[in-house]
C-alpha atoms as a PDB file:
ATOM      1  CA  MET A   1      89.603   5.875  -3.397  1.00  0.00           C
ATOM      2  CA  SER A   2      90.229   9.313  -5.009  1.00  0.00           C
ATOM      3  CA  LEU A   3      88.454  11.476  -2.542  1.00  0.00           C
ATOM      4  CA  PRO A   4      90.032   9.667   0.339  1.00  0.00           C
ATOM      5  CA  ILE A   5      93.802  10.684  -1.081  1.00  0.00           C
ATOM      6  CA  GLU A   6      93.005  14.416  -2.304  1.00  0.00           C
ATOM      7  CA  SER A   7      91.220  14.592   1.483  1.00  0.00           C
ATOM      8  CA  LEU A   8      94.863  13.448   3.160  1.00  0.00           C
ATOM      9  CA  LEU A   9      96.825  15.855   0.477  1.00  0.00           C
ATOM     10  CA  ALA A  10      94.757  18.648   1.645  1.00  0.00           C
ATOM     11  CA  HIS A  11      95.477  18.312   4.485  1.00  0.00           C
ATOM     12  CA  TYR A  12      99.382  18.030   4.516  1.00  0.00           C
ATOM     13  CA  GLU A  13      99.272  21.035   2.050  1.00  0.00           C
ATOM     14  CA  SER A  14      97.327  22.873   4.722  1.00  0.00           C
ATOM     15  CA  GLY A  15      99.852  22.250   7.160  1.00  0.00           C
ATOM     16  CA  ARG A  16      97.228  20.052   9.811  1.00  0.00           C
ATOM     17  CA  MET A  17      99.276  16.900   8.312  1.00  0.00           C
ATOM     18  CA  SER A  18     103.060  16.070   8.518  1.00  0.00           C
ATOM     19  CA  ARG A  19     104.963  14.317   6.312  1.00  0.00           C
ATOM     20  CA  ARG A  20     105.774  11.311   7.745  1.00  0.00           C
ATOM     21  CA  ASP A  21     101.740  10.711   9.186  1.00  0.00           C
ATOM     22  CA  LEU A  22     100.517  11.432   5.149  1.00  0.00           C
ATOM     23  CA  VAL A  23     103.095   8.772   4.233  1.00  0.00           C
ATOM     24  CA  ALA A  24     102.432   6.569   6.662  1.00  0.00           C
ATOM     25  CA  THR A  25      98.466   6.867   6.031  1.00  0.00           C
ATOM     26  CA  LEU A  26      98.765   6.158   2.225  1.00  0.00           C
ATOM     27  CA  THR A  27     101.369   3.176   3.141  1.00  0.00           C
ATOM     28  CA  ALA A  28      98.676   1.544   4.974  1.00  0.00           C
ATOM     29  CA  LEU A  29      95.873   2.534   2.176  1.00  0.00           C
ATOM     30  CA  ALA A  30      98.374   0.311  -0.066  1.00  0.00           C
ATOM     31  CA  VAL A  31      98.555  -2.360   1.733  1.00  0.00           C
ATOM     32  CA  ALA A  32      95.553  -2.600   3.409  1.00  0.00           C
ATOM     33  CA  PRO A  33      92.869  -5.438   1.771  1.00  0.00           C
ATOM     34  CA  LEU A  34      90.725  -4.667  -0.119  1.00  0.00           C
ATOM     35  CA  PRO A  35      86.969  -4.822   1.016  1.00  0.00           C
ATOM     36  CA  ALA A  36      85.055  -8.333  -0.128  1.00  0.00           C
ATOM     37  CA  MET A  37      83.145  -7.624  -3.271  1.00  0.00           C
ATOM     38  CA  ALA A  38      79.572  -8.822  -3.002  1.00  0.00           C
ATOM     39  CA  GLN A  39      78.683 -12.265  -4.514  1.00  0.00           C
ATOM     40  CA  PRO A  40      76.387 -11.724  -7.367  1.00  0.00           C
ATOM     41  CA  ALA A  41      73.081 -13.219  -6.651  1.00  0.00           C
ATOM     42  CA  PRO A  42      72.918 -17.190  -8.261  1.00  0.00           C
ATOM     43  CA  ALA A  43      71.966 -16.551 -11.916  1.00  0.00           C
ATOM     44  CA  ALA A  44      68.088 -17.409 -12.609  1.00  0.00           C
ATOM     45  CA  LEU A  45      69.296 -19.189 -16.109  1.00  0.00           C
ATOM     46  CA  GLU A  46      72.973 -20.123 -17.206  1.00  0.00           C
ATOM     47  CA  ALA A  47      73.283 -19.733 -20.822  1.00  0.00           C
ATOM     48  CA  ALA A  48      75.756 -22.083 -22.041  1.00  0.00           C
ATOM     49  CA  THR A  49      76.343 -21.574 -25.387  1.00  0.00           C
ATOM     50  CA  LEU A  50      75.366 -18.830 -27.772  1.00  0.00           C
ATOM     51  CA  ASN A  51      73.194 -20.600 -30.422  1.00  0.00           C
ATOM     52  CA  HIS A  52      72.247 -18.486 -33.091  1.00  0.00           C
ATOM     53  CA  ALA A  53      71.500 -15.459 -34.306  1.00  0.00           C
ATOM     54  CA  SER A  54      68.755 -14.603 -36.889  1.00  0.00           C
ATOM     55  CA  LEU A  55      68.762 -11.572 -39.667  1.00  0.00           C
ATOM     56  CA  ILE A  56      65.538 -10.057 -41.429  1.00  0.00           C
ATOM     57  CA  VAL A  57      66.417  -9.703 -44.711  1.00  0.00           C
ATOM     58  CA  SER A  58      64.285  -7.839 -47.959  1.00  0.00           C
ATOM     59  CA  ASP A  59      65.826 -10.992 -50.250  1.00  0.00           C
ATOM     60  CA  LEU A  60      66.103 -14.526 -49.080  1.00  0.00           C
ATOM     61  CA  GLU A  61      67.342 -16.307 -52.650  1.00  0.00           C
ATOM     62  CA  ARG A  62      70.475 -13.466 -52.589  1.00  0.00           C
ATOM     63  CA  SER A  63      71.344 -13.395 -49.072  1.00  0.00           C
ATOM     64  CA  VAL A  64      71.739 -17.159 -48.468  1.00  0.00           C
ATOM     65  CA  ALA A  65      73.696 -16.800 -51.453  1.00  0.00           C
ATOM     66  CA  PHE A  66      75.840 -14.316 -50.330  1.00  0.00           C
ATOM     67  CA  TYR A  67      76.634 -15.885 -47.102  1.00  0.00           C
ATOM     68  CA  ARG A  68      77.333 -19.452 -48.310  1.00  0.00           C
ATOM     69  CA  SER A  69      79.580 -18.133 -51.376  1.00  0.00           C
ATOM     70  CA  THR A  70      81.359 -15.145 -48.981  1.00  0.00           C
ATOM     71  CA  PHE A  71      81.502 -17.603 -45.858  1.00  0.00           C
ATOM     72  CA  GLY A  72      81.523 -21.002 -46.875  1.00  0.00           C
ATOM     73  CA  LEU A  73      78.177 -21.549 -44.789  1.00  0.00           C
ATOM     74  CA  GLU A  74      76.240 -24.734 -45.424  1.00  0.00           C
ATOM     75  CA  VAL A  75      72.596 -25.593 -44.920  1.00  0.00           C
ATOM     76  CA  LYS A  76      71.936 -26.524 -41.211  1.00  0.00           C
ATOM     77  CA  SER A  77      68.315 -26.824 -41.360  1.00  0.00           C
ATOM     78  CA  THR A  78      65.364 -24.663 -42.764  1.00  0.00           C
ATOM     79  CA  GLN A  79      62.335 -23.485 -41.077  1.00  0.00           C
ATOM     80  CA  GLN A  80      59.230 -21.909 -42.345  1.00  0.00           C
ATOM     81  CA  GLY A  81      60.275 -18.712 -44.224  1.00  0.00           C
ATOM     82  CA  GLY A  82      64.214 -19.138 -43.774  1.00  0.00           C
ATOM     83  CA  VAL A  83      66.986 -20.982 -44.105  1.00  0.00           C
ATOM     84  CA  ASN A  84      69.597 -21.724 -40.972  1.00  0.00           C
ATOM     85  CA  LEU A  85      73.281 -21.675 -41.934  1.00  0.00           C
ATOM     86  CA  ALA A  86      75.826 -23.555 -40.171  1.00  0.00           C
ATOM     87  CA  VAL A  87      78.760 -21.930 -38.113  1.00  0.00           C
ATOM     88  CA  GLY A  88      80.623 -24.352 -36.359  1.00  0.00           C
ATOM     89  CA  ASP A  89      78.195 -25.698 -33.373  1.00  0.00           C
ATOM     90  CA  ALA A  90      76.148 -22.533 -34.148  1.00  0.00           C
ATOM     91  CA  PHE A  91      74.017 -20.855 -36.970  1.00  0.00           C
ATOM     92  CA  LEU A  92      72.960 -18.242 -38.650  1.00  0.00           C
ATOM     93  CA  GLY A  93      69.352 -17.568 -39.101  1.00  0.00           C
ATOM     94  CA  ILE A  94      68.468 -15.736 -42.522  1.00  0.00           C
ATOM     95  CA  TYR A  95      64.352 -15.225 -42.804  1.00  0.00           C
ATOM     96  CA  GLN A  96      62.321 -13.268 -45.232  1.00  0.00           C
ATOM     97  CA  GLY A  97      61.004 -10.313 -44.369  1.00  0.00           C
ATOM     98  CA  GLY A  98      57.681  -8.589 -45.134  1.00  0.00           C
ATOM     99  CA  ALA A  99      57.477  -6.017 -48.209  1.00  0.00           C
ATOM    100  CA  THR A 100      57.608  -3.162 -45.734  1.00  0.00           C
ATOM    101  CA  ALA A 101      60.526  -5.298 -43.493  1.00  0.00           C
ATOM    102  CA  MET A 102      63.850  -3.205 -43.029  1.00  0.00           C
ATOM    103  CA  PRO A 103      66.602  -5.802 -42.758  1.00  0.00           C
ATOM    104  CA  HIS A 104      68.078  -5.916 -39.299  1.00  0.00           C
ATOM    105  CA  ILE A 105      69.090  -8.435 -36.676  1.00  0.00           C
ATOM    106  CA  ASN A 106      66.121  -9.606 -35.021  1.00  0.00           C
ATOM    107  CA  HIS A 107      67.837 -11.640 -32.574  1.00  0.00           C
ATOM    108  CA  PHE A 108      69.962 -14.205 -30.943  1.00  0.00           C
ATOM    109  CA  CYS A 109      70.146 -16.767 -28.819  1.00  0.00           C
ATOM    110  CA  PHE A 110      71.692 -18.406 -25.786  1.00  0.00           C
ATOM    111  CA  GLY A 111      71.460 -22.532 -25.577  1.00  0.00           C
ATOM    112  CA  ILE A 112      70.659 -23.349 -21.974  1.00  0.00           C
ATOM    113  CA  ARG A 113      71.454 -26.829 -20.741  1.00  0.00           C
ATOM    114  CA  ASP A 114      68.207 -28.958 -19.560  1.00  0.00           C
ATOM    115  CA  PHE A 115      66.159 -26.550 -21.772  1.00  0.00           C
ATOM    116  CA  ASP A 116      62.406 -26.586 -20.111  1.00  0.00           C
ATOM    117  CA  PRO A 117      60.337 -24.186 -21.667  1.00  0.00           C
ATOM    118  CA  ALA A 118      57.685 -23.500 -18.323  1.00  0.00           C
ATOM    119  CA  ALA A 119      60.418 -23.282 -16.064  1.00  0.00           C
ATOM    120  CA  THR A 120      62.156 -21.029 -18.115  1.00  0.00           C
ATOM    121  CA  VAL A 121      59.490 -18.439 -18.381  1.00  0.00           C
ATOM    122  CA  ALA A 122      59.057 -18.942 -14.892  1.00  0.00           C
ATOM    123  CA  ALA A 123      62.173 -18.004 -13.760  1.00  0.00           C
ATOM    124  CA  LEU A 124      62.369 -15.068 -16.492  1.00  0.00           C
ATOM    125  CA  GLU A 125      59.020 -13.834 -14.394  1.00  0.00           C
ATOM    126  CA  ARG A 126      60.717 -14.265 -10.800  1.00  0.00           C
ATOM    127  CA  GLN A 127      63.151 -12.013 -11.802  1.00  0.00           C
ATOM    128  CA  GLY A 128      60.701  -9.153 -13.593  1.00  0.00           C
ATOM    129  CA  LEU A 129      61.477 -10.176 -17.048  1.00  0.00           C
ATOM    130  CA  PRO A 130      59.143 -10.383 -19.679  1.00  0.00           C
ATOM    131  CA  ALA A 131      58.611 -13.954 -20.908  1.00  0.00           C
ATOM    132  CA  GLU A 132      57.106 -14.631 -24.189  1.00  0.00           C
ATOM    133  CA  SER A 133      56.584 -18.572 -25.301  1.00  0.00           C
ATOM    134  CA  ARG A 134      55.387 -19.526 -28.687  1.00  0.00           C
ATOM    135  CA  THR A 135      55.383 -22.409 -30.840  1.00  0.00           C
ATOM    136  CA  ARG A 136      57.111 -22.483 -34.483  1.00  0.00           C
ATOM    137  CA  ASP A 137      57.027 -25.747 -36.156  1.00  0.00           C
ATOM    138  CA  GLY A 138      56.376 -27.950 -33.352  1.00  0.00           C
ATOM    139  CA  VAL A 139      58.860 -26.247 -31.112  1.00  0.00           C
ATOM    140  CA  THR A 140      58.086 -24.165 -27.940  1.00  0.00           C
ATOM    141  CA  GLN A 141      60.316 -20.916 -28.230  1.00  0.00           C
ATOM    142  CA  VAL A 142      60.877 -19.007 -25.114  1.00  0.00           C
ATOM    143  CA  TYR A 143      62.042 -14.819 -25.557  1.00  0.00           C
ATOM    144  CA  THR A 144      62.929 -12.052 -23.168  1.00  0.00           C
ATOM    145  CA  SER A 145      64.381  -8.901 -23.664  1.00  0.00           C
ATOM    146  CA  ASP A 146      67.261  -6.981 -22.369  1.00  0.00           C
ATOM    147  CA  PRO A 147      67.227  -3.423 -20.399  1.00  0.00           C
ATOM    148  CA  ASP A 148      67.674  -1.822 -24.425  1.00  0.00           C
ATOM    149  CA  ASN A 149      64.827  -3.807 -25.652  1.00  0.00           C
ATOM    150  CA  LEU A 150      67.103  -6.034 -27.372  1.00  0.00           C
ATOM    151  CA  ARG A 151      65.328  -9.587 -28.678  1.00  0.00           C
ATOM    152  CA  ILE A 152      66.953 -12.258 -26.552  1.00  0.00           C
ATOM    153  CA  GLN A 153      65.981 -16.213 -27.321  1.00  0.00           C
ATOM    154  CA  LEU A 154      66.443 -19.049 -24.796  1.00  0.00           C
ATOM    155  CA  GLN A 155      66.311 -22.598 -26.423  1.00  0.00           C
ATOM    156  CA  ASP A 156      68.408 -25.943 -25.392  1.00  0.00           C
ATOM    157  CA  VAL A 157      71.890 -26.210 -26.064  1.00  0.00           C
ATOM    158  CA  SER A 158      71.233 -28.966 -28.999  1.00  0.00           C
ATOM    159  CA  PHE A 159      68.719 -26.319 -31.108  1.00  0.00           C
ATOM    160  CA  CYS A 160      69.458 -26.159 -34.402  1.00  0.00           C
ATOM    161  CA  GLY A 161      65.873 -24.997 -35.584  1.00  0.00           C
ATOM    162  CA  GLY A 162      64.944 -27.914 -36.608  1.00  0.00           C
ATOM    163  CA  VAL A 163      62.193 -29.646 -35.659  1.00  0.00           C
ATOM    164  CA  GLY A 164      61.126 -31.958 -32.806  1.00  0.00           C
ATOM    165  CA  PRO A 165      60.439 -30.988 -29.075  1.00  0.00           C
ATOM    166  CA  LEU A 166      64.124 -29.279 -28.895  1.00  0.00           C
ATOM    167  CA  GLY A 167      64.144 -28.395 -32.111  1.00  0.00           C
ATOM    168  CA  ASN A 168      67.374 -30.482 -32.185  1.00  0.00           C
ATOM    169  CA  ASP A 169      66.461 -32.949 -35.576  1.00  0.00           C
ATOM    170  CA  CYS A 170      68.557 -30.420 -38.042  1.00  0.00           C
ATOM    171  CA  ARG A 171      66.614 -31.123 -41.224  1.00  0.00           C
ATOM    172  CA  ALA A 172      68.344 -29.359 -44.484  1.00  0.00           C
END
């Protein structure tokens, strides 16, 4: 929008446009309806919740003790190699890294209503996105990456890091 206005001012300053014409044109621009914004394409998947974030830590017991004593987080569930601490309806996953692993945020997870792992993978692939499906503790987990290669997990909105087909049987 600034380029057309600069052009109008240049015409006025060079004498090719009267002040009356400049004011009339600027007024018309100010009251003109904005062009309709293009509607985005329907989303491939609809994130309903921010389900959890998972950390890789150097000392699992020390980290769990820190988050429990500092923030009052209670154990929501456990998984192989880790503990999930409740944060409202969501949780913070804390997992032991390997001997040479640097502590880091491993991924975050969106909760999807009516989650179906195969349909989720298919939706990601239709968008040209990477899709990885794996089974852990009997639960099928789906992962993808954003344009910056940040890891995103997709699960049912009821996922708690527990067992059962949706991982929603929370066993502390």
